[in-house]
Amino acid sequence: MAHATLLEADDLSLRLGGRRVVDGVTLAFHAGELCAVVGPNGAGKSSLLSLLAGLRESESGGVRLLDRAMADWPAMQRAQRLAWMAQQGEAEGEMGVRDVVRLGRLPRHGLFGAPDAADEAAVDQALAETECTALQARRLSELSGGERQRVLLSRVLAVQAPVLLLDEPMAHLDAPHQRTLMRSLRVQASAGRAVVVVLHDLSWALAADRVVLMRAGRVVADGVPADSALRAALVDVFDGAFSIEHVTVDGAVRWVALPRA
């Protein structure tokens, strides 16, 4: 069954420092879909996400959010519909954890509006989903890198936007919290959101509904993990550094990347 397209990229291109880092990318992201974007270092993954988020202007084409040109959305309305988590998120200082997560509700009530019961409920839900409830009374300066990363993810989830863009959200996370993150992103997709996440860990990427593979600013493969052409392209782009094998876990087939020593 077809799902609604929530975010579209048409012929996106971007040049930084004299180098074309995104080159003619056209993609569509759909409700109910968890999409992993992967590729070698310098492939253009983060630059693509910044274009999708409207943080940079493409040299060609454009981005449509909910079937409306990104540039036509007033900033506050856009922030209610698209939530963004940067690779190097701001997570320092003496601000309390709960106050950081409340920032995700600013697009709903504005800078000078007071959080209401719905805002607090959204904050509670986001904290619980990222296993940060026990941290909410602490200050950012008291947290580890992994704990701060989870707090930043809580802030994104608190927005309750239909489109989520996350750049390397697994940075600093240990294995249990990587699992929690992927489960949370799958819950978000199951709720009808479009979730686009840049990942370096290919086994986690292969647990997504869809994988977009980039090299030198271009999309070279786009498909489901079960697609043999996608898997072959992954092995090729990463110079055969791994093989992709299928395993059965709890009765379900999973694809995993095994390093070739």
Protein backbone atom coordinates (compact mmCIF):
# COMPACT_ATOMS: atom_id res chain seq x y z
CA MET A 1 0.00 0.00 0.00
CA ALA A 2 1.37 3.42 -0.98
CA HIS A 3 2.15 5.88 1.79
CA ALA A 4 1.96 9.64 1.56
CA THR A 5 5.12 11.48 0.51
CA LEU A 6 6.07 13.84 3.34
CA LEU A 7 9.42 15.15 2.08
CA GLU A 8 10.74 15.43 -1.49
CA ALA A 9 14.14 16.40 -2.85
CA ASP A 10 14.39 17.38 -6.51
CA ASP A 11 17.80 17.67 -8.19
CA LEU A 12 19.60 18.96 -5.08
CA SER A 13 23.18 20.17 -5.54
CA LEU A 14 25.60 21.87 -3.19
CA ARG A 15 29.20 23.03 -3.55
CA LEU A 16 31.38 23.64 -0.48
CA GLY A 17 34.99 24.81 -0.61
CA GLY A 18 35.02 24.47 -4.38
CA ARG A 19 33.91 20.82 -4.23
CA ARG A 20 30.47 19.52 -5.21
CA VAL A 21 29.36 17.62 -2.10
CA VAL A 22 25.77 16.95 -3.25
CA ASP A 23 25.26 16.32 -6.94
CA GLY A 24 21.79 16.10 -8.50
CA VAL A 25 20.03 14.16 -5.74
CA THR A 26 16.33 13.38 -6.19
CA LEU A 27 14.57 11.42 -3.45
CA ALA A 28 11.17 11.09 -1.78
CA PHE A 29 10.52 10.06 1.82
CA HIS A 30 7.23 8.60 2.93
CA ALA A 31 5.00 8.33 5.97
CA GLY A 32 5.63 5.17 7.95
CA GLU A 33 9.18 4.74 6.62
CA LEU A 34 12.50 4.50 8.45
CA CYS A 35 15.21 5.35 5.90
CA ALA A 36 18.95 5.04 6.60
CA VAL A 37 21.40 7.15 4.58
CA VAL A 38 24.87 5.60 4.36
CA GLY A 39 28.12 6.05 2.49
CA PRO A 40 31.87 6.49 2.96
CA ASN A 41 33.34 9.53 4.69
CA GLY A 42 32.85 12.59 2.49
CA ALA A 43 30.00 11.02 0.51
CA GLY A 44 27.72 14.02 1.17
CA LYS A 45 25.35 12.48 3.71
CA SER A 46 25.36 15.34 6.23
CA SER A 47 25.30 17.95 3.48
CA LEU A 48 22.24 16.26 1.99
CA LEU A 49 20.46 16.31 5.34
CA SER A 50 21.21 20.01 5.77
CA LEU A 51 19.57 20.67 2.39
CA LEU A 52 16.57 18.52 3.32
CA ALA A 53 16.20 20.47 6.57
CA GLY A 54 16.27 23.80 4.77
CA LEU A 55 19.46 24.85 6.55
CA ARG A 56 21.31 25.34 3.26
CA GLU A 57 20.07 26.47 -0.13
CA SER A 58 20.49 24.14 -3.07
CA GLU A 59 22.17 25.39 -6.23
CA SER A 60 19.42 23.70 -8.25
CA GLY A 61 16.03 22.10 -7.73
CA GLY A 62 14.45 22.31 -4.30
CA VAL A 63 12.79 20.60 -1.34
CA ARG A 64 9.09 20.15 -0.73
CA LEU A 65 7.75 19.52 2.78
CA LEU A 66 4.20 18.15 2.95
CA ASP A 67 3.75 19.03 -0.74
CA ARG A 68 4.73 22.66 -0.21
CA ALA A 69 8.03 24.30 -1.18
CA MET A 70 10.31 24.49 1.84
CA ALA A 71 10.93 28.20 1.24
CA ASP A 72 7.17 28.88 1.45
CA TRP A 73 6.86 27.63 5.03
CA PRO A 74 7.05 30.29 7.78
CA ALA A 75 9.87 29.35 10.15
CA MET A 76 7.61 28.50 13.10
CA GLN A 77 5.31 26.32 11.01
CA ARG A 78 8.23 24.54 9.39
CA ALA A 79 9.75 23.82 12.81
CA GLN A 80 6.48 22.16 13.87
CA ARG A 81 6.59 19.82 10.88
CA LEU A 82 10.28 18.99 10.54
CA ALA A 83 12.58 18.17 13.48
CA TRP A 84 16.34 18.12 12.98
CA MET A 85 19.18 16.62 15.01
CA ALA A 86 22.65 17.71 13.94
CA GLN A 87 25.74 15.50 14.00
CA GLN A 88 27.45 17.80 16.48
CA GLY A 89 24.50 18.86 18.61
CA GLU A 90 24.64 21.66 21.14
CA ALA A 91 24.60 19.98 24.53
CA GLU A 92 26.75 21.88 26.97
CA GLY A 93 26.27 24.21 29.92
CA GLU A 94 24.21 24.35 33.07
CA MET A 95 20.75 24.00 31.55
CA GLY A 96 18.64 21.28 33.12
CA VAL A 97 17.82 18.18 31.08
CA ARG A 98 14.05 18.69 31.21
CA ASP A 99 14.46 22.30 30.09
CA VAL A 100 16.53 21.14 27.11
CA VAL A 101 13.81 18.72 26.05
CA ARG A 102 11.17 21.44 26.52
CA LEU A 103 12.96 23.38 23.77
CA GLY A 104 11.41 20.89 21.37
CA ARG A 105 8.04 22.41 22.19
CA LEU A 106 9.02 26.01 21.34
CA PRO A 107 7.59 25.77 17.81
CA ARG A 108 4.19 25.03 19.39
CA HIS A 109 3.95 27.82 21.94
CA GLY A 110 6.68 30.29 20.96
CA LEU A 111 9.60 31.74 22.86
CA PHE A 112 7.46 33.59 25.38
CA GLY A 113 4.62 31.10 25.71
CA ALA A 114 4.27 28.95 28.81
CA PRO A 115 4.36 25.15 28.39
CA ASP A 116 0.93 23.62 28.93
CA ALA A 117 -0.16 20.13 29.94
CA ALA A 118 0.17 18.84 26.37
CA ASP A 119 3.74 20.16 26.19
CA GLU A 120 4.68 18.51 29.47
CA ALA A 121 3.11 15.23 28.37
CA ALA A 122 5.15 15.33 25.14
CA VAL A 123 8.32 15.96 27.17
CA ASP A 124 7.50 13.07 29.50
CA GLN A 125 6.93 10.75 26.55
CA ALA A 126 10.18 11.77 24.83
CA LEU A 127 12.21 11.31 28.01
CA ALA A 128 10.71 7.87 28.58
CA GLU A 129 11.28 6.78 24.99
CA THR A 130 15.01 7.58 25.17
CA GLU A 131 15.40 6.22 28.72
CA CYS A 132 16.21 9.70 30.04
CA THR A 133 13.49 10.05 32.68
CA ALA A 134 15.97 9.42 35.49
CA LEU A 135 18.22 12.17 34.11
CA GLN A 136 15.64 14.95 33.90
CA ALA A 137 16.60 16.72 37.14
CA ARG A 138 20.30 16.82 36.25
CA ARG A 139 22.26 19.46 34.35
CA LEU A 140 23.90 18.91 30.99
CA SER A 141 27.33 19.52 32.49
CA GLU A 142 26.83 16.47 34.70
CA LEU A 143 26.14 14.05 31.85
CA SER A 144 28.34 11.77 29.79
CA GLY A 145 28.55 12.19 26.02
CA GLY A 146 26.12 9.34 25.46
CA GLU A 147 23.65 10.74 27.98
CA ARG A 148 23.76 14.16 26.31
CA GLN A 149 23.16 12.51 22.94
CA ARG A 150 20.03 10.82 24.28
CA VAL A 151 18.81 14.14 25.70
CA LEU A 152 19.21 15.77 22.27
CA LEU A 153 17.22 12.94 20.75
CA SER A 154 14.52 13.52 23.39
CA ARG A 155 14.34 17.17 22.32
CA VAL A 156 13.78 16.10 18.69
CA LEU A 157 11.09 13.58 19.64
CA ALA A 158 9.30 16.14 21.82
CA VAL A 159 8.56 18.22 18.71
CA GLN A 160 6.24 15.44 17.48
CA ALA A 161 6.88 16.52 13.90
CA PRO A 162 5.76 14.35 10.97
CA VAL A 163 9.32 14.43 9.53
CA LEU A 164 12.45 13.60 11.53
CA LEU A 165 15.98 14.14 10.19
CA LEU A 166 18.82 12.80 12.33
CA ASP A 167 22.53 13.00 11.53
CA GLU A 168 24.56 10.28 13.28
CA PRO A 169 22.32 10.01 16.38
CA MET A 170 24.23 6.89 17.54
CA ALA A 171 27.41 8.85 18.25
CA HIS A 172 28.63 8.11 21.81
CA LEU A 173 25.89 5.55 22.45
CA ASP A 174 26.67 2.11 23.87
CA ALA A 175 25.10 -1.02 22.41
CA PRO A 176 21.98 -1.11 24.64
CA HIS A 177 21.19 2.52 23.88
CA GLN A 178 21.84 2.03 20.17
CA ARG A 179 19.15 -0.64 20.32
CA THR A 180 16.86 1.73 22.24
CA LEU A 181 17.43 4.41 19.61
CA MET A 182 16.53 2.14 16.70
CA ARG A 183 13.45 0.87 18.50
CA SER A 184 12.41 4.46 19.16
CA LEU A 185 12.90 5.48 15.53
CA ARG A 186 10.88 2.47 14.41
CA VAL A 187 8.08 3.51 16.79
CA GLN A 188 8.16 6.99 15.23
CA ALA A 189 7.89 5.53 11.73
CA SER A 190 5.10 3.17 12.80
CA ALA A 191 3.19 6.23 14.01
CA GLY A 192 3.17 7.53 10.42
CA ARG A 193 6.24 9.75 10.44
CA ALA A 194 8.99 9.85 7.84
CA VAL A 195 12.29 9.19 9.62
CA VAL A 196 15.57 9.82 7.78
CA VAL A 197 18.75 8.95 9.67
CA VAL A 198 22.42 9.06 8.69
CA LEU A 199 24.25 6.03 10.09
CA HIS A 200 27.80 4.71 9.95
CA ASP A 201 26.99 1.31 11.44
CA LEU A 202 25.85 -0.68 8.40
CA SER A 203 24.25 -3.49 10.37
CA TRP A 204 21.96 -0.99 12.07
CA ALA A 205 21.33 0.68 8.70
CA LEU A 206 20.29 -2.69 7.27
CA ALA A 207 17.68 -2.89 10.04
CA ALA A 208 15.88 0.12 8.51
CA ASP A 209 13.00 -0.17 6.05
CA ARG A 210 15.06 1.43 3.28
CA VAL A 211 18.71 2.26 2.64
CA VAL A 212 19.98 5.15 0.51
CA LEU A 213 23.65 4.73 -0.46
CA MET A 214 25.73 7.77 -1.43
CA ARG A 215 29.15 8.15 -3.00
CA ALA A 216 30.83 11.41 -4.06
CA GLY A 217 27.62 13.41 -3.58
CA ARG A 218 25.41 11.11 -5.64
CA VAL A 219 22.85 8.44 -4.78
CA VAL A 220 24.21 5.19 -6.21
CA ALA A 221 21.65 2.79 -4.72
CA ASP A 222 18.27 3.06 -3.03
CA GLY A 223 16.27 0.06 -1.87
CA VAL A 224 15.19 -2.33 0.84
CA PRO A 225 17.83 -4.44 2.64
CA ALA A 226 16.52 -7.59 0.96
CA ASP A 227 17.40 -6.12 -2.46
CA SER A 228 20.49 -7.99 -3.73
CA ALA A 229 21.47 -5.05 -5.97
CA LEU A 230 21.56 -2.73 -2.96
CA ARG A 231 23.68 -5.17 -0.97
CA ALA A 232 26.10 -5.61 -3.86
CA ALA A 233 26.41 -1.83 -4.22
CA LEU A 234 27.15 -1.48 -0.49
CA VAL A 235 29.99 -3.99 -0.69
CA ASP A 236 31.37 -2.31 -3.82
CA VAL A 237 31.22 1.28 -2.52
CA PHE A 238 33.01 0.26 0.68
CA ASP A 239 35.74 -1.56 -1.31
CA GLY A 240 34.78 -5.02 -0.11
CA ALA A 241 35.64 -4.21 3.52
CA PHE A 242 32.76 -6.45 4.63
CA SER A 243 30.33 -9.04 3.42
CA ILE A 244 26.59 -8.86 3.99
CA GLU A 245 25.06 -12.01 5.40
CA HIS A 246 21.57 -12.95 6.50
CA VAL A 247 20.85 -14.31 9.94
CA THR A 248 17.62 -15.42 11.54
CA VAL A 249 16.76 -13.75 14.84
CA ASP A 250 13.55 -14.69 16.65
CA GLY A 251 12.24 -16.18 13.44
CA ALA A 252 12.89 -13.06 11.35
CA VAL A 253 15.61 -12.63 8.69
CA ARG A 254 18.11 -9.85 9.35
CA TRP A 255 20.97 -8.64 7.18
CA VAL A 256 24.28 -7.86 8.87
CA ALA A 257 27.63 -6.49 7.67
CA LEU A 258 30.57 -8.71 8.69
CA PRO A 259 34.05 -7.13 8.45
CA ARG A 260 36.59 -8.90 6.27
CA ALA A 261 39.82 -9.03 8.30
